[in-house]
Amino acid sequence: MKKLLLLSIISIGFSVNAQIGTSTQLGGENSKWTFGGSAGLGGSFGSNNGGTSIYISPRIGYKLTENFEAGIVSDLTWANSKYYSSNTIGVGPFVNYYIARNFYLSGMFQEYFFNQKNKLTYQKYSGEEAALYLGGGYLQRIGDRAYMQIGGMYNVLYKKDESVFGSGFVPSIGVVFGL
């Protein structure tokens, strides 16, 4: 687990560095590297639970051809409420196939490691779960080589009664630079 945590931190570092220094060779005009990701903030503010969640998913990719990209993505989620808290780290490879820069098909494998705590019973639970997401979506150009990705994916390994996740479907909105 320590190796995967280190790999996640390294990929986050690459992604953050790329987002800050877009004029470097990683994001240069003729570079085959892509970078981006998604982030979110959620919660039930003002409710009795008072829950909050923070999500960040940086990614770095390499264009194998003009329309086919492979890379690594990490996923960090923190959630906290009056009754419950959890931390989740995921890391794994992804592939995207772009169709006329308007649509994309995507596949992603993630190995998740999580810690959960029930604040009422003081029970703690740690574990890991694999996910294989398949999906796709729409691309919207937002700059010279920047696109917004809007789509969804389904975890084909999802088992309702065995998964730590509430659903196998994951909607996604993110940004990718360097296409």
N, C-alpha and C. Protein backbone atom coordinates (compact mmCIF):
# COMPACT_ATOMS: atom_id res chain seq x y z
N MET A 1 0.83 -1.19 0.00
CA MET A 1 0.00 0.00 0.00
C MET A 1 0.87 1.25 0.00
N LYS A 2 2.03 1.20 0.70
CA LYS A 2 2.91 2.36 0.73
C LYS A 2 3.43 2.71 -0.65
N LYS A 3 3.70 1.68 -1.48
CA LYS A 3 4.17 1.94 -2.84
C LYS A 3 3.09 2.62 -3.67
N LEU A 4 1.84 2.18 -3.52
CA LEU A 4 0.75 2.81 -4.28
C LEU A 4 0.49 4.22 -3.79
N LEU A 5 0.63 4.45 -2.49
CA LEU A 5 0.47 5.80 -1.95
C LEU A 5 1.55 6.71 -2.52
N LEU A 6 2.79 6.23 -2.57
CA LEU A 6 3.89 7.00 -3.14
C LEU A 6 3.63 7.28 -4.62
N LEU A 7 3.14 6.29 -5.35
CA LEU A 7 2.82 6.47 -6.77
C LEU A 7 1.74 7.52 -6.95
N SER A 8 0.74 7.53 -6.07
CA SER A 8 -0.33 8.54 -6.13
C SER A 8 0.24 9.93 -5.89
N ILE A 9 1.11 10.06 -4.90
CA ILE A 9 1.70 11.37 -4.59
C ILE A 9 2.55 11.85 -5.75
N ILE A 10 3.31 10.96 -6.36
CA ILE A 10 4.14 11.34 -7.51
C ILE A 10 3.26 11.80 -8.66
N SER A 11 2.18 11.07 -8.96
CA SER A 11 1.33 11.47 -10.08
C SER A 11 0.63 12.79 -9.79
N ILE A 12 0.27 13.03 -8.53
CA ILE A 12 -0.31 14.33 -8.17
C ILE A 12 0.73 15.43 -8.37
N GLY A 13 1.97 15.15 -7.97
CA GLY A 13 3.03 16.13 -8.15
C GLY A 13 3.24 16.48 -9.61
N PHE A 14 3.26 15.48 -10.49
CA PHE A 14 3.38 15.74 -11.92
C PHE A 14 2.22 16.58 -12.42
N SER A 15 1.02 16.23 -11.99
CA SER A 15 -0.17 16.93 -12.47
C SER A 15 -0.17 18.38 -11.99
N VAL A 16 0.13 18.59 -10.71
CA VAL A 16 0.16 19.96 -10.19
C VAL A 16 1.25 20.76 -10.87
N ASN A 17 2.45 20.17 -11.03
CA ASN A 17 3.54 20.85 -11.71
C ASN A 17 3.15 21.22 -13.13
N ALA A 18 2.47 20.32 -13.82
CA ALA A 18 2.06 20.58 -15.20
C ALA A 18 1.04 21.70 -15.26
N GLN A 19 0.13 21.75 -14.30
CA GLN A 19 -0.90 22.78 -14.32
C GLN A 19 -0.31 24.15 -14.00
N ILE A 20 0.74 24.18 -13.19
CA ILE A 20 1.36 25.45 -12.84
C ILE A 20 2.28 25.93 -13.95
N GLY A 21 3.03 25.00 -14.55
CA GLY A 21 4.01 25.38 -15.56
C GLY A 21 3.63 24.94 -16.95
N THR A 22 2.58 25.46 -17.51
CA THR A 22 2.13 25.01 -18.82
C THR A 22 3.08 25.39 -19.95
N SER A 23 4.01 26.27 -19.72
CA SER A 23 4.95 26.61 -20.79
C SER A 23 6.16 25.69 -20.79
N THR A 24 6.24 24.77 -19.84
CA THR A 24 7.35 23.83 -19.83
C THR A 24 7.16 22.80 -20.94
N GLN A 25 8.17 21.96 -21.17
CA GLN A 25 8.08 21.00 -22.25
C GLN A 25 6.95 20.00 -22.04
N LEU A 26 6.49 19.77 -20.82
CA LEU A 26 5.38 18.85 -20.60
C LEU A 26 4.12 19.32 -21.30
N GLY A 27 3.86 20.60 -21.29
CA GLY A 27 2.65 21.13 -21.93
C GLY A 27 2.95 21.92 -23.18
N GLY A 28 4.15 21.78 -23.74
CA GLY A 28 4.55 22.55 -24.91
C GLY A 28 3.73 22.23 -26.14
N GLU A 29 3.88 23.05 -27.15
CA GLU A 29 3.09 22.97 -28.38
C GLU A 29 3.16 21.60 -29.06
N ASN A 30 4.33 20.97 -29.14
CA ASN A 30 4.48 19.70 -29.83
C ASN A 30 4.57 18.50 -28.89
N SER A 31 4.26 18.71 -27.64
CA SER A 31 4.36 17.65 -26.64
C SER A 31 3.26 16.61 -26.84
N LYS A 32 3.59 15.38 -26.54
CA LYS A 32 2.60 14.30 -26.57
C LYS A 32 1.98 14.09 -25.18
N TRP A 33 2.43 14.83 -24.19
CA TRP A 33 1.91 14.70 -22.83
C TRP A 33 0.60 15.46 -22.68
N THR A 34 -0.30 14.88 -21.91
CA THR A 34 -1.55 15.53 -21.55
C THR A 34 -1.67 15.52 -20.04
N PHE A 35 -2.43 16.43 -19.49
CA PHE A 35 -2.61 16.47 -18.04
C PHE A 35 -3.93 17.15 -17.73
N GLY A 36 -4.40 16.94 -16.53
CA GLY A 36 -5.66 17.55 -16.11
C GLY A 36 -6.27 16.77 -14.98
N GLY A 37 -7.59 16.67 -14.98
CA GLY A 37 -8.28 15.95 -13.93
C GLY A 37 -9.59 16.61 -13.57
N SER A 38 -10.06 16.26 -12.40
CA SER A 38 -11.32 16.82 -11.91
C SER A 38 -11.23 16.97 -10.40
N ALA A 39 -12.12 17.77 -9.86
CA ALA A 39 -12.18 18.00 -8.42
C ALA A 39 -13.61 18.33 -8.06
N GLY A 40 -13.95 18.11 -6.82
CA GLY A 40 -15.31 18.42 -6.39
C GLY A 40 -15.41 18.61 -4.89
N LEU A 41 -16.47 19.27 -4.51
CA LEU A 41 -16.81 19.52 -3.12
C LEU A 41 -18.29 19.20 -2.97
N GLY A 42 -18.62 18.40 -2.01
CA GLY A 42 -20.02 18.05 -1.82
C GLY A 42 -20.38 18.03 -0.36
N GLY A 43 -21.64 17.86 -0.11
CA GLY A 43 -22.06 17.76 1.28
C GLY A 43 -23.50 18.13 1.46
N SER A 44 -23.93 17.94 2.67
CA SER A 44 -25.30 18.28 3.04
C SER A 44 -25.24 19.43 4.03
N PHE A 45 -24.79 20.57 3.54
CA PHE A 45 -24.62 21.74 4.38
C PHE A 45 -25.96 22.18 4.94
N GLY A 46 -25.98 22.46 6.22
CA GLY A 46 -27.21 22.92 6.86
C GLY A 46 -28.14 21.81 7.29
N SER A 47 -27.80 20.57 6.98
CA SER A 47 -28.66 19.46 7.41
C SER A 47 -28.20 18.98 8.78
N ASN A 48 -28.91 18.04 9.34
CA ASN A 48 -28.55 17.50 10.65
C ASN A 48 -27.24 16.73 10.60
N ASN A 49 -26.93 16.12 9.46
CA ASN A 49 -25.68 15.37 9.35
C ASN A 49 -24.48 16.29 9.21
N GLY A 50 -24.66 17.44 8.55
CA GLY A 50 -23.56 18.39 8.37
C GLY A 50 -22.39 17.79 7.62
N GLY A 51 -22.63 16.91 6.67
CA GLY A 51 -21.55 16.20 5.99
C GLY A 51 -20.86 17.02 4.92
N THR A 52 -19.59 16.73 4.74
CA THR A 52 -18.77 17.38 3.73
C THR A 52 -17.90 16.33 3.06
N SER A 53 -17.69 16.49 1.76
CA SER A 53 -16.75 15.61 1.07
C SER A 53 -15.93 16.43 0.08
N ILE A 54 -14.68 16.05 -0.08
CA ILE A 54 -13.75 16.70 -1.00
C ILE A 54 -13.14 15.61 -1.87
N TYR A 55 -13.08 15.90 -3.17
CA TYR A 55 -12.63 14.91 -4.14
C TYR A 55 -11.65 15.59 -5.09
N ILE A 56 -10.53 14.92 -5.37
CA ILE A 56 -9.58 15.41 -6.36
C ILE A 56 -9.05 14.20 -7.13
N SER A 57 -8.98 14.36 -8.45
CA SER A 57 -8.54 13.26 -9.31
C SER A 57 -7.61 13.79 -10.41
N PRO A 58 -6.33 13.98 -10.10
CA PRO A 58 -5.39 14.42 -11.14
C PRO A 58 -5.01 13.26 -12.05
N ARG A 59 -4.65 13.60 -13.30
CA ARG A 59 -4.24 12.58 -14.26
C ARG A 59 -3.17 13.12 -15.18
N ILE A 60 -2.34 12.21 -15.66
CA ILE A 60 -1.31 12.56 -16.63
C ILE A 60 -1.32 11.45 -17.70
N GLY A 61 -1.28 11.87 -18.96
CA GLY A 61 -1.36 10.91 -20.05
C GLY A 61 -0.32 11.17 -21.12
N TYR A 62 -0.24 10.23 -22.04
CA TYR A 62 0.69 10.34 -23.16
C TYR A 62 -0.05 9.92 -24.42
N LYS A 63 0.00 10.76 -25.47
CA LYS A 63 -0.68 10.45 -26.72
C LYS A 63 0.15 9.44 -27.52
N LEU A 64 -0.35 8.20 -27.58
CA LEU A 64 0.32 7.16 -28.35
C LEU A 64 0.11 7.39 -29.84
N THR A 65 -1.07 7.88 -30.20
CA THR A 65 -1.38 8.35 -31.55
C THR A 65 -2.15 9.65 -31.37
N GLU A 66 -2.53 10.29 -32.43
CA GLU A 66 -3.27 11.55 -32.31
C GLU A 66 -4.61 11.38 -31.60
N ASN A 67 -5.21 10.19 -31.68
CA ASN A 67 -6.53 9.97 -31.09
C ASN A 67 -6.54 8.97 -29.94
N PHE A 68 -5.39 8.40 -29.58
CA PHE A 68 -5.35 7.38 -28.53
C PHE A 68 -4.35 7.79 -27.46
N GLU A 69 -4.82 7.81 -26.22
CA GLU A 69 -4.01 8.28 -25.09
C GLU A 69 -4.05 7.24 -23.98
N ALA A 70 -2.91 7.06 -23.30
CA ALA A 70 -2.83 6.18 -22.13
C ALA A 70 -2.11 6.95 -21.02
N GLY A 71 -2.45 6.63 -19.78
CA GLY A 71 -1.81 7.33 -18.69
C GLY A 71 -2.16 6.75 -17.33
N ILE A 72 -1.93 7.56 -16.31
CA ILE A 72 -2.21 7.17 -14.94
C ILE A 72 -3.08 8.24 -14.28
N VAL A 73 -3.98 7.79 -13.44
CA VAL A 73 -4.88 8.69 -12.73
C VAL A 73 -4.89 8.29 -11.27
N SER A 74 -4.98 9.27 -10.40
CA SER A 74 -5.15 8.99 -8.97
C SER A 74 -6.45 9.63 -8.51
N ASP A 75 -6.93 9.17 -7.41
CA ASP A 75 -8.22 9.58 -6.90
C ASP A 75 -8.13 9.69 -5.38
N LEU A 76 -8.35 10.88 -4.85
CA LEU A 76 -8.29 11.10 -3.42
C LEU A 76 -9.64 11.66 -2.97
N THR A 77 -10.26 11.00 -1.99
CA THR A 77 -11.55 11.44 -1.49
C THR A 77 -11.53 11.45 0.04
N TRP A 78 -12.03 12.52 0.62
CA TRP A 78 -12.18 12.65 2.07
C TRP A 78 -13.63 13.02 2.34
N ALA A 79 -14.26 12.31 3.25
CA ALA A 79 -15.65 12.60 3.60
C ALA A 79 -15.79 12.58 5.12
N ASN A 80 -16.64 13.49 5.62
CA ASN A 80 -16.82 13.58 7.06
C ASN A 80 -18.23 14.09 7.35
N SER A 81 -18.89 13.46 8.30
CA SER A 81 -20.20 13.92 8.75
C SER A 81 -20.27 13.73 10.26
N LYS A 82 -21.40 14.02 10.80
CA LYS A 82 -21.61 13.88 12.25
C LYS A 82 -21.45 12.43 12.69
N TYR A 83 -21.79 11.49 11.81
CA TYR A 83 -21.81 10.08 12.19
C TYR A 83 -20.74 9.22 11.54
N TYR A 84 -20.03 9.76 10.55
CA TYR A 84 -19.21 8.90 9.71
C TYR A 84 -18.04 9.69 9.13
N SER A 85 -16.89 9.03 8.93
CA SER A 85 -15.77 9.65 8.22
C SER A 85 -15.08 8.58 7.38
N SER A 86 -14.48 9.02 6.28
CA SER A 86 -13.76 8.07 5.42
C SER A 86 -12.69 8.79 4.61
N ASN A 87 -11.68 8.04 4.25
CA ASN A 87 -10.61 8.47 3.36
C ASN A 87 -10.42 7.38 2.32
N THR A 88 -10.31 7.77 1.06
CA THR A 88 -10.12 6.80 -0.01
C THR A 88 -9.02 7.29 -0.94
N ILE A 89 -8.12 6.39 -1.29
CA ILE A 89 -7.06 6.66 -2.26
C ILE A 89 -7.17 5.61 -3.35
N GLY A 90 -7.19 6.04 -4.60
CA GLY A 90 -7.22 5.12 -5.73
C GLY A 90 -6.15 5.50 -6.73
N VAL A 91 -5.62 4.51 -7.41
CA VAL A 91 -4.61 4.77 -8.42
C VAL A 91 -4.68 3.68 -9.48
N GLY A 92 -4.41 4.07 -10.73
CA GLY A 92 -4.40 3.07 -11.79
C GLY A 92 -4.27 3.69 -13.17
N PRO A 93 -4.19 2.84 -14.18
CA PRO A 93 -4.03 3.29 -15.56
C PRO A 93 -5.37 3.63 -16.20
N PHE A 94 -5.30 4.44 -17.27
CA PHE A 94 -6.49 4.74 -18.07
C PHE A 94 -6.10 4.78 -19.54
N VAL A 95 -7.10 4.63 -20.41
CA VAL A 95 -6.94 4.84 -21.84
C VAL A 95 -8.15 5.63 -22.33
N ASN A 96 -7.91 6.52 -23.28
CA ASN A 96 -8.98 7.29 -23.92
C ASN A 96 -8.79 7.21 -25.43
N TYR A 97 -9.89 7.04 -26.14
CA TYR A 97 -9.88 7.11 -27.59
C TYR A 97 -10.79 8.26 -27.99
N TYR A 98 -10.23 9.22 -28.73
CA TYR A 98 -10.96 10.43 -29.11
C TYR A 98 -11.51 10.30 -30.53
N ILE A 99 -12.77 10.65 -30.69
CA ILE A 99 -13.45 10.57 -31.98
C ILE A 99 -13.72 11.99 -32.46
N ALA A 100 -12.95 12.43 -33.46
CA ALA A 100 -13.10 13.76 -34.07
C ALA A 100 -13.06 14.90 -33.05
N ARG A 101 -12.38 14.71 -31.95
CA ARG A 101 -12.27 15.71 -30.88
C ARG A 101 -13.63 16.23 -30.39
N ASN A 102 -14.67 15.42 -30.61
CA ASN A 102 -16.00 15.76 -30.11
C ASN A 102 -16.50 14.76 -29.08
N PHE A 103 -16.01 13.51 -29.18
CA PHE A 103 -16.45 12.45 -28.28
C PHE A 103 -15.24 11.62 -27.87
N TYR A 104 -15.40 10.87 -26.79
CA TYR A 104 -14.33 9.98 -26.38
C TYR A 104 -14.90 8.70 -25.77
N LEU A 105 -14.16 7.62 -25.90
CA LEU A 105 -14.42 6.36 -25.23
C LEU A 105 -13.31 6.16 -24.22
N SER A 106 -13.63 5.63 -23.06
CA SER A 106 -12.65 5.57 -21.99
C SER A 106 -12.71 4.25 -21.24
N GLY A 107 -11.55 3.81 -20.78
CA GLY A 107 -11.43 2.67 -19.89
C GLY A 107 -10.44 3.03 -18.79
N MET A 108 -10.73 2.60 -17.57
CA MET A 108 -9.86 2.96 -16.44
C MET A 108 -9.93 1.86 -15.39
N PHE A 109 -8.77 1.43 -14.90
CA PHE A 109 -8.71 0.50 -13.78
C PHE A 109 -8.23 1.28 -12.56
N GLN A 110 -8.90 1.10 -11.44
CA GLN A 110 -8.50 1.75 -10.19
C GLN A 110 -8.43 0.71 -9.08
N GLU A 111 -7.39 0.78 -8.29
CA GLU A 111 -7.31 0.00 -7.06
C GLU A 111 -7.49 1.01 -5.93
N TYR A 112 -8.56 0.85 -5.17
CA TYR A 112 -8.91 1.77 -4.10
C TYR A 112 -8.51 1.20 -2.75
N PHE A 113 -8.00 2.06 -1.89
CA PHE A 113 -7.68 1.72 -0.51
C PHE A 113 -8.47 2.70 0.37
N PHE A 114 -9.18 2.19 1.36
CA PHE A 114 -10.04 3.07 2.13
C PHE A 114 -9.99 2.76 3.62
N ASN A 115 -10.29 3.79 4.39
CA ASN A 115 -10.46 3.71 5.84
C ASN A 115 -11.78 4.39 6.17
N GLN A 116 -12.61 3.72 6.94
CA GLN A 116 -13.90 4.27 7.34
C GLN A 116 -14.05 4.17 8.84
N LYS A 117 -14.81 5.12 9.39
CA LYS A 117 -15.06 5.10 10.84
C LYS A 117 -16.50 5.50 11.10
N ASN A 118 -17.19 4.67 11.89
CA ASN A 118 -18.52 4.99 12.38
C ASN A 118 -18.32 5.73 13.70
N LYS A 119 -18.71 6.99 13.77
CA LYS A 119 -18.46 7.81 14.95
C LYS A 119 -19.38 7.47 16.13
N LEU A 120 -20.48 6.78 15.88
CA LEU A 120 -21.38 6.39 16.95
C LEU A 120 -20.93 5.10 17.65
N THR A 121 -20.50 4.13 16.85
CA THR A 121 -20.10 2.83 17.42
C THR A 121 -18.58 2.72 17.57
N TYR A 122 -17.84 3.68 17.07
CA TYR A 122 -16.38 3.69 17.09
C TYR A 122 -15.77 2.52 16.33
N GLN A 123 -16.54 1.91 15.46
CA GLN A 123 -16.03 0.83 14.63
C GLN A 123 -15.26 1.42 13.46
N LYS A 124 -14.13 0.78 13.16
CA LYS A 124 -13.30 1.19 12.04
C LYS A 124 -13.22 0.04 11.05
N TYR A 125 -13.15 0.41 9.79
CA TYR A 125 -13.06 -0.59 8.74
C TYR A 125 -12.08 -0.09 7.68
N SER A 126 -11.15 -0.94 7.32
CA SER A 126 -10.19 -0.63 6.26
C SER A 126 -10.25 -1.75 5.23
N GLY A 127 -9.99 -1.40 4.00
CA GLY A 127 -9.99 -2.43 2.97
C GLY A 127 -9.54 -1.88 1.65
N GLU A 128 -9.72 -2.69 0.63
CA GLU A 128 -9.39 -2.27 -0.73
C GLU A 128 -10.41 -2.87 -1.67
N GLU A 129 -10.57 -2.22 -2.82
CA GLU A 129 -11.52 -2.69 -3.81
C GLU A 129 -11.02 -2.29 -5.19
N ALA A 130 -11.14 -3.20 -6.13
CA ALA A 130 -10.75 -2.93 -7.51
C ALA A 130 -11.97 -2.47 -8.30
N ALA A 131 -11.74 -1.61 -9.27
CA ALA A 131 -12.81 -1.12 -10.14
C ALA A 131 -12.29 -1.04 -11.57
N LEU A 132 -13.10 -1.49 -12.51
CA LEU A 132 -12.79 -1.38 -13.93
C LEU A 132 -13.92 -0.59 -14.58
N TYR A 133 -13.63 0.67 -14.90
CA TYR A 133 -14.63 1.58 -15.45
C TYR A 133 -14.56 1.60 -16.97
N LEU A 134 -15.71 1.53 -17.61
CA LEU A 134 -15.82 1.68 -19.05
C LEU A 134 -16.88 2.74 -19.33
N GLY A 135 -16.61 3.61 -20.28
CA GLY A 135 -17.59 4.66 -20.57
C GLY A 135 -17.12 5.57 -21.67
N GLY A 136 -17.62 6.78 -21.62
CA GLY A 136 -17.28 7.77 -22.63
C GLY A 136 -18.03 9.05 -22.39
N GLY A 137 -17.95 9.93 -23.38
CA GLY A 137 -18.62 11.20 -23.22
C GLY A 137 -18.34 12.17 -24.35
N TYR A 138 -18.57 13.41 -24.02
CA TYR A 138 -18.50 14.52 -24.97
C TYR A 138 -17.31 15.41 -24.62
N LEU A 139 -16.65 15.97 -25.64
CA LEU A 139 -15.56 16.93 -25.45
C LEU A 139 -16.00 18.31 -25.90
N GLN A 140 -15.69 19.31 -25.10
CA GLN A 140 -15.98 20.70 -25.45
C GLN A 140 -14.66 21.48 -25.39
N ARG A 141 -14.26 22.05 -26.50
CA ARG A 141 -13.02 22.84 -26.54
C ARG A 141 -13.20 24.09 -25.67
N ILE A 142 -12.20 24.36 -24.81
CA ILE A 142 -12.24 25.55 -23.95
C ILE A 142 -10.97 26.39 -24.09
N GLY A 143 -10.10 26.01 -24.99
CA GLY A 143 -8.86 26.75 -25.22
C GLY A 143 -8.13 26.15 -26.41
N ASP A 144 -6.91 26.63 -26.65
CA ASP A 144 -6.14 26.18 -27.80
C ASP A 144 -5.97 24.66 -27.81
N ARG A 145 -5.46 24.08 -26.74
CA ARG A 145 -5.29 22.63 -26.64
C ARG A 145 -5.95 22.11 -25.36
N ALA A 146 -7.00 22.78 -24.92
CA ALA A 146 -7.68 22.40 -23.68
C ALA A 146 -9.14 22.03 -23.98
N TYR A 147 -9.60 21.00 -23.29
CA TYR A 147 -10.96 20.50 -23.50
C TYR A 147 -11.60 20.17 -22.15
N MET A 148 -12.92 20.36 -22.09
CA MET A 148 -13.70 19.88 -20.97
C MET A 148 -14.28 18.53 -21.38
N GLN A 149 -14.16 17.54 -20.50
CA GLN A 149 -14.72 16.22 -20.74
C GLN A 149 -15.97 16.06 -19.89
N ILE A 150 -17.08 15.72 -20.51
CA ILE A 150 -18.35 15.51 -19.80
C ILE A 150 -18.84 14.12 -20.18
N GLY A 151 -18.98 13.24 -19.21
CA GLY A 151 -19.39 11.89 -19.55
C GLY A 151 -19.74 11.07 -18.33
N GLY A 152 -19.66 9.78 -18.50
CA GLY A 152 -19.95 8.86 -17.42
C GLY A 152 -19.27 7.53 -17.66
N MET A 153 -19.09 6.80 -16.57
CA MET A 153 -18.44 5.49 -16.64
C MET A 153 -19.17 4.52 -15.72
N TYR A 154 -19.07 3.25 -16.03
CA TYR A 154 -19.68 2.24 -15.19
C TYR A 154 -18.61 1.22 -14.78
N ASN A 155 -18.57 0.89 -13.49
CA ASN A 155 -17.64 -0.09 -12.95
C ASN A 155 -18.20 -1.49 -13.22
N VAL A 156 -17.61 -2.19 -14.18
CA VAL A 156 -18.12 -3.51 -14.55
C VAL A 156 -17.80 -4.57 -13.48
N LEU A 157 -16.98 -4.24 -12.49
CA LEU A 157 -16.69 -5.15 -11.38
C LEU A 157 -17.60 -4.90 -10.18
N TYR A 158 -18.47 -3.91 -10.26
CA TYR A 158 -19.34 -3.52 -9.15
C TYR A 158 -20.31 -4.64 -8.76
N LYS A 159 -20.35 -4.93 -7.45
CA LYS A 159 -21.30 -5.90 -6.90
C LYS A 159 -22.05 -5.19 -5.77
N LYS A 160 -23.32 -4.97 -5.97
CA LYS A 160 -24.13 -4.15 -5.08
C LYS A 160 -23.99 -4.52 -3.60
N ASP A 161 -24.05 -5.77 -3.27
CA ASP A 161 -24.03 -6.18 -1.87
C ASP A 161 -22.62 -6.33 -1.29
N GLU A 162 -21.60 -6.18 -2.12
CA GLU A 162 -20.23 -6.38 -1.65
C GLU A 162 -19.37 -5.12 -1.74
N SER A 163 -19.81 -4.12 -2.48
CA SER A 163 -18.99 -2.94 -2.74
C SER A 163 -19.11 -1.91 -1.62
N VAL A 164 -18.04 -1.19 -1.42
CA VAL A 164 -18.05 -0.07 -0.48
C VAL A 164 -18.69 1.15 -1.14
N PHE A 165 -18.83 1.13 -2.46
CA PHE A 165 -19.42 2.24 -3.19
C PHE A 165 -20.92 2.04 -3.33
N GLY A 166 -21.66 3.13 -3.37
CA GLY A 166 -23.11 3.07 -3.43
C GLY A 166 -23.67 2.72 -4.79
N SER A 167 -22.87 2.87 -5.84
CA SER A 167 -23.34 2.62 -7.20
C SER A 167 -22.15 2.28 -8.09
N GLY A 168 -22.42 1.62 -9.20
CA GLY A 168 -21.38 1.33 -10.17
C GLY A 168 -21.20 2.44 -11.18
N PHE A 169 -22.19 3.34 -11.31
CA PHE A 169 -22.13 4.43 -12.28
C PHE A 169 -21.46 5.66 -11.68
N VAL A 170 -20.58 6.26 -12.45
CA VAL A 170 -19.88 7.48 -12.01
C VAL A 170 -19.97 8.53 -13.12
N PRO A 171 -20.72 9.62 -12.88
CA PRO A 171 -20.69 10.72 -13.84
C PRO A 171 -19.35 11.45 -13.71
N SER A 172 -18.90 12.07 -14.78
CA SER A 172 -17.61 12.77 -14.69
C SER A 172 -17.61 14.06 -15.50
N ILE A 173 -16.99 15.05 -14.91
CA ILE A 173 -16.71 16.33 -15.58
C ILE A 173 -15.28 16.67 -15.22
N GLY A 174 -14.45 16.88 -16.21
CA GLY A 174 -13.06 17.20 -15.97
C GLY A 174 -12.48 18.02 -17.09
N VAL A 175 -11.22 18.37 -16.94
CA VAL A 175 -10.50 19.17 -17.91
C VAL A 175 -9.23 18.45 -18.29
N VAL A 176 -8.90 18.48 -19.57
CA VAL A 176 -7.65 17.89 -20.04
C VAL A 176 -6.92 18.92 -20.91
N PHE A 177 -5.62 19.07 -20.67
CA PHE A 177 -4.79 20.00 -21.42
C PHE A 177 -3.80 19.20 -22.27
N GLY A 178 -3.52 19.68 -23.45
CA GLY A 178 -2.50 19.06 -24.29
C GLY A 178 -3.04 18.22 -25.42
N LEU A 179 -4.35 18.14 -25.59
CA LEU A 179 -4.88 17.36 -26.72
C LEU A 179 -4.61 18.10 -27.96
